[in-house]
C-alpha atoms as a PDB file:
ATOM      1  CA  MET A   1      33.580 315.671  52.269  1.00  0.00           C
ATOM      2  CA  GLU A   2      32.969 317.049  48.563  1.00  0.00           C
ATOM      3  CA  ARG A   3      29.975 316.458  46.947  1.00  0.00           C
ATOM      4  CA  SER A   4      28.408 318.354  44.855  1.00  0.00           C
ATOM      5  CA  VAL A   5      24.585 319.171  43.882  1.00  0.00           C
ATOM      6  CA  GLY A   6      23.375 319.972  40.291  1.00  0.00           C
ATOM      7  CA  PRO A   7      20.504 319.303  38.809  1.00  0.00           C
ATOM      8  CA  MET A   8      17.885 316.390  39.550  1.00  0.00           C
ATOM      9  CA  ARG A   9      17.994 313.675  37.870  1.00  0.00           C
ATOM     10  CA  ASP A  10      14.538 311.632  38.219  1.00  0.00           C
ATOM     11  CA  THR A  11      11.772 314.814  39.517  1.00  0.00           C
ATOM     12  CA  SER A  12       8.965 312.095  39.506  1.00  0.00           C
ATOM     13  CA  LYS A  13      10.606 310.650  43.335  1.00  0.00           C
ATOM     14  CA  ARG A  14       8.776 310.785  46.015  1.00  0.00           C
ATOM     15  CA  LEU A  15      10.781 310.905  49.594  1.00  0.00           C
ATOM     16  CA  LEU A  16       9.366 308.480  52.618  1.00  0.00           C
ATOM     17  CA  MET A  17       8.934 311.404  55.200  1.00  0.00           C
ATOM     18  CA  GLY A  18       7.083 309.787  58.086  1.00  0.00           C
ATOM     19  CA  ARG A  19       5.574 307.003  59.335  1.00  0.00           C
ATOM     20  CA  ILE A  20       2.189 306.434  60.837  1.00  0.00           C
ATOM     21  CA  GLY A  21       2.242 304.679  64.086  1.00  0.00           C
ATOM     22  CA  ALA A  22      -0.729 304.044  66.571  1.00  0.00           C
ATOM     23  CA  ALA A  23      -3.735 305.677  67.321  1.00  0.00           C
ATOM     24  CA  HIS A  24      -3.031 307.940  70.142  1.00  0.00           C
ATOM     25  CA  GLY A  25      -6.287 308.534  72.476  1.00  0.00           C
ATOM     26  CA  ILE A  26     -10.418 307.694  71.807  1.00  0.00           C
ATOM     27  CA  THR A  27     -10.448 311.219  69.696  1.00  0.00           C
ATOM     28  CA  GLY A  28      -8.737 310.282  65.861  1.00  0.00           C
ATOM     29  CA  GLU A  29      -5.278 311.635  66.669  1.00  0.00           C
ATOM     30  CA  VAL A  30      -2.669 309.271  65.971  1.00  0.00           C
ATOM     31  CA  ARG A  31       1.837 308.730  66.449  1.00  0.00           C
ATOM     32  CA  ILE A  32       3.661 309.762  63.783  1.00  0.00           C
ATOM     33  CA  GLN A  33       7.420 308.379  63.244  1.00  0.00           C
ATOM     34  CA  SER A  34       9.191 311.804  61.545  1.00  0.00           C
ATOM     35  CA  PHE A  35      12.019 311.304  59.390  1.00  0.00           C
ATOM     36  CA  THR A  36      12.886 315.349  58.823  1.00  0.00           C
ATOM     37  CA  GLU A  37      15.682 316.759  60.283  1.00  0.00           C
ATOM     38  CA  GLU A  38      12.806 318.635  62.715  1.00  0.00           C
ATOM     39  CA  PRO A  39      10.098 316.438  63.608  1.00  0.00           C
ATOM     40  CA  MET A  40       7.929 319.556  63.249  1.00  0.00           C
ATOM     41  CA  ALA A  41       8.509 320.695  59.792  1.00  0.00           C
ATOM     42  CA  LEU A  42       6.541 317.176  59.013  1.00  0.00           C
ATOM     43  CA  LEU A  43       3.568 319.711  58.785  1.00  0.00           C
ATOM     44  CA  ASP A  44       5.289 322.106  55.981  1.00  0.00           C
ATOM     45  CA  TYR A  45       4.483 320.168  53.356  1.00  0.00           C
ATOM     46  CA  GLY A  46       0.702 320.075  53.230  1.00  0.00           C
ATOM     47  CA  PRO A  47      -0.907 317.276  51.750  1.00  0.00           C
ATOM     48  CA  LEU A  48       1.104 314.462  51.779  1.00  0.00           C
ATOM     49  CA  GLU A  49       0.839 311.209  49.607  1.00  0.00           C
ATOM     50  CA  THR A  50       0.994 307.816  50.797  1.00  0.00           C
ATOM     51  CA  ASN A  51       1.887 304.313  50.250  1.00  0.00           C
ATOM     52  CA  LYS A  52      -2.294 303.316  50.234  1.00  0.00           C
ATOM     53  CA  PRO A  53      -3.624 304.341  46.222  1.00  0.00           C
ATOM     54  CA  GLY A  54      -5.853 307.588  46.168  1.00  0.00           C
ATOM     55  CA  LEU A  55      -4.865 308.209  49.755  1.00  0.00           C
ATOM     56  CA  THR A  56      -3.718 311.880  50.875  1.00  0.00           C
ATOM     57  CA  ILE A  57      -3.524 312.731  54.360  1.00  0.00           C
ATOM     58  CA  GLU A  58      -3.412 316.215  55.291  1.00  0.00           C
ATOM     59  CA  ILE A  59      -1.710 316.987  58.858  1.00  0.00           C
ATOM     60  CA  GLU A  60      -3.732 319.874  60.758  1.00  0.00           C
ATOM     61  CA  THR A  61      -2.324 320.412  64.127  1.00  0.00           C
ATOM     62  CA  ALA A  62       0.406 318.248  65.857  1.00  0.00           C
ATOM     63  CA  ARG A  63       2.825 318.593  69.118  1.00  0.00           C
ATOM     64  CA  ALA A  64       6.153 316.752  69.393  1.00  0.00           C
ATOM     65  CA  THR A  65       6.774 314.456  72.456  1.00  0.00           C
ATOM     66  CA  THR A  66       9.885 312.656  73.429  1.00  0.00           C
ATOM     67  CA  ASN A  67      10.246 310.020  70.293  1.00  0.00           C
ATOM     68  CA  VAL A  68       7.304 310.997  68.032  1.00  0.00           C
ATOM     69  CA  LEU A  69       4.789 313.446  66.515  1.00  0.00           C
ATOM     70  CA  VAL A  70       0.898 312.924  67.811  1.00  0.00           C
ATOM     71  CA  ALA A  71      -1.134 314.633  65.373  1.00  0.00           C
ATOM     72  CA  ARG A  72      -4.540 315.606  64.689  1.00  0.00           C
ATOM     73  CA  LEU A  73      -5.814 314.080  60.714  1.00  0.00           C
ATOM     74  CA  LYS A  74      -8.258 316.053  58.693  1.00  0.00           C
ATOM     75  CA  ASP A  75     -11.170 313.556  57.992  1.00  0.00           C
ATOM     76  CA  ILE A  76     -10.278 311.202  61.303  1.00  0.00           C
ATOM     77  CA  LYS A  77     -12.336 311.594  63.658  1.00  0.00           C
ATOM     78  CA  ASP A  78     -12.417 308.593  65.654  1.00  0.00           C
ATOM     79  CA  ARG A  79      -9.760 306.020  67.471  1.00  0.00           C
ATOM     80  CA  THR A  80     -11.942 303.424  64.666  1.00  0.00           C
ATOM     81  CA  ALA A  81     -10.739 305.100  61.889  1.00  0.00           C
ATOM     82  CA  ALA A  82      -7.188 306.508  63.562  1.00  0.00           C
ATOM     83  CA  GLU A  83      -6.321 302.241  64.102  1.00  0.00           C
ATOM     84  CA  LYS A  84      -6.894 301.824  60.041  1.00  0.00           C
ATOM     85  CA  LEU A  85      -4.205 304.167  59.077  1.00  0.00           C
ATOM     86  CA  ASN A  86      -1.386 302.435  61.321  1.00  0.00           C
ATOM     87  CA  GLY A  87       2.117 301.755  58.978  1.00  0.00           C
ATOM     88  CA  VAL A  88       0.989 304.535  56.249  1.00  0.00           C
ATOM     89  CA  GLU A  89       3.758 305.950  55.021  1.00  0.00           C
ATOM     90  CA  LEU A  90       3.878 309.526  54.281  1.00  0.00           C
ATOM     91  CA  TYR A  91       5.561 310.780  50.832  1.00  0.00           C
ATOM     92  CA  VAL A  92       6.389 314.174  49.219  1.00  0.00           C
ATOM     93  CA  ALA A  93       7.047 314.792  45.945  1.00  0.00           C
ATOM     94  CA  ARG A  94      10.977 315.260  45.421  1.00  0.00           C
ATOM     95  CA  GLU A  95      10.203 318.719  43.677  1.00  0.00           C
ATOM     96  CA  LYS A  96       8.243 320.081  46.480  1.00  0.00           C
ATOM     97  CA  LEU A  97      11.650 320.488  48.865  1.00  0.00           C
ATOM     98  CA  PRO A  98      13.885 323.188  48.806  1.00  0.00           C
ATOM     99  CA  PRO A  99      17.289 322.684  47.129  1.00  0.00           C
ATOM    100  CA  PRO A 100      19.999 321.522  49.898  1.00  0.00           C
ATOM    101  CA  ASP A 101      21.249 324.773  51.460  1.00  0.00           C
ATOM    102  CA  GLU A 102      25.254 323.495  51.628  1.00  0.00           C
ATOM    103  CA  ASP A 103      27.732 322.241  48.606  1.00  0.00           C
ATOM    104  CA  ASP A 104      27.566 319.508  50.969  1.00  0.00           C
ATOM    105  CA  ASP A 105      23.868 318.123  51.423  1.00  0.00           C
ATOM    106  CA  PHE A 106      22.150 315.916  49.663  1.00  0.00           C
ATOM    107  CA  TYR A 107      18.658 314.317  50.325  1.00  0.00           C
ATOM    108  CA  HIS A 108      19.260 310.294  50.146  1.00  0.00           C
ATOM    109  CA  ALA A 109      16.971 310.232  47.749  1.00  0.00           C
ATOM    110  CA  ASP A 110      19.164 312.151  45.366  1.00  0.00           C
ATOM    111  CA  LEU A 111      21.972 309.145  45.802  1.00  0.00           C
ATOM    112  CA  ILE A 112      19.653 305.777  44.288  1.00  0.00           C
ATOM    113  CA  GLY A 113      20.546 305.351  40.478  1.00  0.00           C
ATOM    114  CA  LEU A 114      24.145 307.168  40.369  1.00  0.00           C
ATOM    115  CA  GLU A 115      26.565 304.677  39.706  1.00  0.00           C
ATOM    116  CA  ALA A 116      28.997 303.509  42.471  1.00  0.00           C
ATOM    117  CA  ARG A 117      32.894 303.244  41.896  1.00  0.00           C
ATOM    118  CA  LEU A 118      35.723 302.451  43.374  1.00  0.00           C
ATOM    119  CA  THR A 119      38.527 304.965  43.548  1.00  0.00           C
ATOM    120  CA  ASP A 120      40.508 304.093  40.703  1.00  0.00           C
ATOM    121  CA  GLY A 121      37.363 304.464  39.112  1.00  0.00           C
ATOM    122  CA  THR A 122      36.141 300.757  38.605  1.00  0.00           C
ATOM    123  CA  ALA A 123      32.443 300.204  38.123  1.00  0.00           C
ATOM    124  CA  LEU A 124      31.241 298.741  41.070  1.00  0.00           C
ATOM    125  CA  GLY A 125      27.417 298.926  40.292  1.00  0.00           C
ATOM    126  CA  GLN A 126      25.070 301.149  41.410  1.00  0.00           C
ATOM    127  CA  VAL A 127      23.104 302.459  44.468  1.00  0.00           C
ATOM    128  CA  LEU A 128      19.652 300.842  44.976  1.00  0.00           C
ATOM    129  CA  ALA A 129      18.932 302.103  48.937  1.00  0.00           C
ATOM    130  CA  ILE A 130      20.823 303.850  52.064  1.00  0.00           C
ATOM    131  CA  PRO A 131      19.753 301.536  54.590  1.00  0.00           C
ATOM    132  CA  ASN A 132      19.645 302.371  58.414  1.00  0.00           C
ATOM    133  CA  PHE A 133      19.408 299.557  60.878  1.00  0.00           C
ATOM    134  CA  GLY A 134      20.244 301.553  63.529  1.00  0.00           C
ATOM    135  CA  ALA A 135      24.225 301.700  63.387  1.00  0.00           C
ATOM    136  CA  GLY A 136      24.505 304.600  60.881  1.00  0.00           C
ATOM    137  CA  ASP A 137      23.445 304.918  57.336  1.00  0.00           C
ATOM    138  CA  LEU A 138      24.833 302.449  55.011  1.00  0.00           C
ATOM    139  CA  LEU A 139      25.392 302.078  50.992  1.00  0.00           C
ATOM    140  CA  GLU A 140      23.171 298.950  49.546  1.00  0.00           C
ATOM    141  CA  VAL A 141      24.683 299.117  45.905  1.00  0.00           C
ATOM    142  CA  ARG A 142      24.734 296.348  43.294  1.00  0.00           C
ATOM    143  CA  ASP A 143      27.246 294.547  40.998  1.00  0.00           C
ATOM    144  CA  ALA A 144      25.729 294.893  37.716  1.00  0.00           C
ATOM    145  CA  ARG A 145      27.818 291.902  36.305  1.00  0.00           C
ATOM    146  CA  SER A 146      26.796 289.356  39.407  1.00  0.00           C
ATOM    147  CA  GLY A 147      23.764 290.854  40.735  1.00  0.00           C
ATOM    148  CA  ASP A 148      25.604 290.295  44.361  1.00  0.00           C
ATOM    149  CA  THR A 149      24.558 293.174  46.558  1.00  0.00           C
ATOM    150  CA  PHE A 150      27.273 294.733  49.075  1.00  0.00           C
ATOM    151  CA  LEU A 151      26.821 296.924  52.157  1.00  0.00           C
ATOM    152  CA  PHE A 152      29.202 299.911  53.102  1.00  0.00           C
ATOM    153  CA  PRO A 153      29.095 302.535  55.834  1.00  0.00           C
ATOM    154  CA  PHE A 154      27.642 305.922  54.606  1.00  0.00           C
ATOM    155  CA  THR A 155      30.911 307.663  55.896  1.00  0.00           C
ATOM    156  CA  LYS A 156      33.973 310.354  54.468  1.00  0.00           C
ATOM    157  CA  ALA A 157      35.966 307.697  54.930  1.00  0.00           C
ATOM    158  CA  VAL A 158      34.326 304.832  52.832  1.00  0.00           C
ATOM    159  CA  VAL A 159      32.381 307.524  50.523  1.00  0.00           C
ATOM    160  CA  PRO A 160      35.204 310.418  50.056  1.00  0.00           C
ATOM    161  CA  GLU A 161      33.022 312.336  47.152  1.00  0.00           C
ATOM    162  CA  ILE A 162      29.165 312.185  45.766  1.00  0.00           C
ATOM    163  CA  HIS A 163      28.899 314.246  42.084  1.00  0.00           C
ATOM    164  CA  ILE A 164      25.076 313.974  41.488  1.00  0.00           C
ATOM    165  CA  ALA A 165      25.348 316.092  38.230  1.00  0.00           C
ATOM    166  CA  GLU A 166      27.760 313.424  37.292  1.00  0.00           C
ATOM    167  CA  GLY A 167      25.596 310.884  38.391  1.00  0.00           C
ATOM    168  CA  TYR A 168      28.096 308.806  40.358  1.00  0.00           C
ATOM    169  CA  LEU A 169      30.011 308.298  43.888  1.00  0.00           C
ATOM    170  CA  LEU A 170      33.223 307.101  44.713  1.00  0.00           C
ATOM    171  CA  ILE A 171      33.871 304.351  47.337  1.00  0.00           C
ATOM    172  CA  GLU A 172      36.988 304.184  48.986  1.00  0.00           C
ATOM    173  CA  VAL A 173      36.398 299.893  49.643  1.00  0.00           C
ATOM    174  CA  PRO A 174      36.987 299.720  53.698  1.00  0.00           C
ATOM    175  CA  VAL A 175      40.279 296.875  54.143  1.00  0.00           C
ATOM    176  CA  ASP A 176      38.716 294.270  56.208  1.00  0.00           C
ATOM    177  CA  ALA A 177      35.151 294.295  53.356  1.00  0.00           C
ATOM    178  CA  ASP A 178      36.934 293.682  50.156  1.00  0.00           C
ATOM    179  CA  PRO A 179      33.682 292.663  47.621  1.00  0.00           C
ATOM    180  CA  GLY A 180      35.047 290.797  45.349  1.00  0.00           C
ATOM    181  CA  GLU A 181      36.419 288.099  48.348  1.00  0.00           C
ATOM    182  CA  GLU A 182      34.388 285.342  49.890  1.00  0.00           C
ATOM    183  CA  GLU A 183      33.356 285.370  54.082  1.00  0.00           C
ATOM    184  CA  PRO A 184      35.212 282.498  55.244  1.00  0.00           C
ATOM    185  CA  ASP A 185      33.292 279.676  57.095  1.00  0.00           C
END
């Protein structure tokens, strides 16, 4: 898939890097679901911003388990304090991340706000989000005229080109998912 990576349009973006789960044991450790390609890489980003105003999290140590990290956090010394962090989301500022290694690599946050165009050049809308409900990434696109939103599989067949520097991506609408048609009753 040809994808271009260019200068960032919005350097104030934060990327969701992980989410704190349940407390682990009685000494203040927590489980963290890491959203990085390599889970232990979460430690490389230093203090992490959170979705709670004024709260910054610093991971002192961590170990990988089958599906989560078990981590000791700075200033969290007991289970009660660890339990209060359940559900806290961990973020890093986009500008702290290295540029993608290859031309066809990008961060999902770089796609938010891009114009979605059909392959014939017709503007379809704007990319709002890239949700994943378990079966793979989707592109959520809002039609600027109607306000309707559409979900498209985020695959090379459906999204053949991404031009971040130019501010758009192309969508080849699957035959069975024409956004102009209503679902049959």
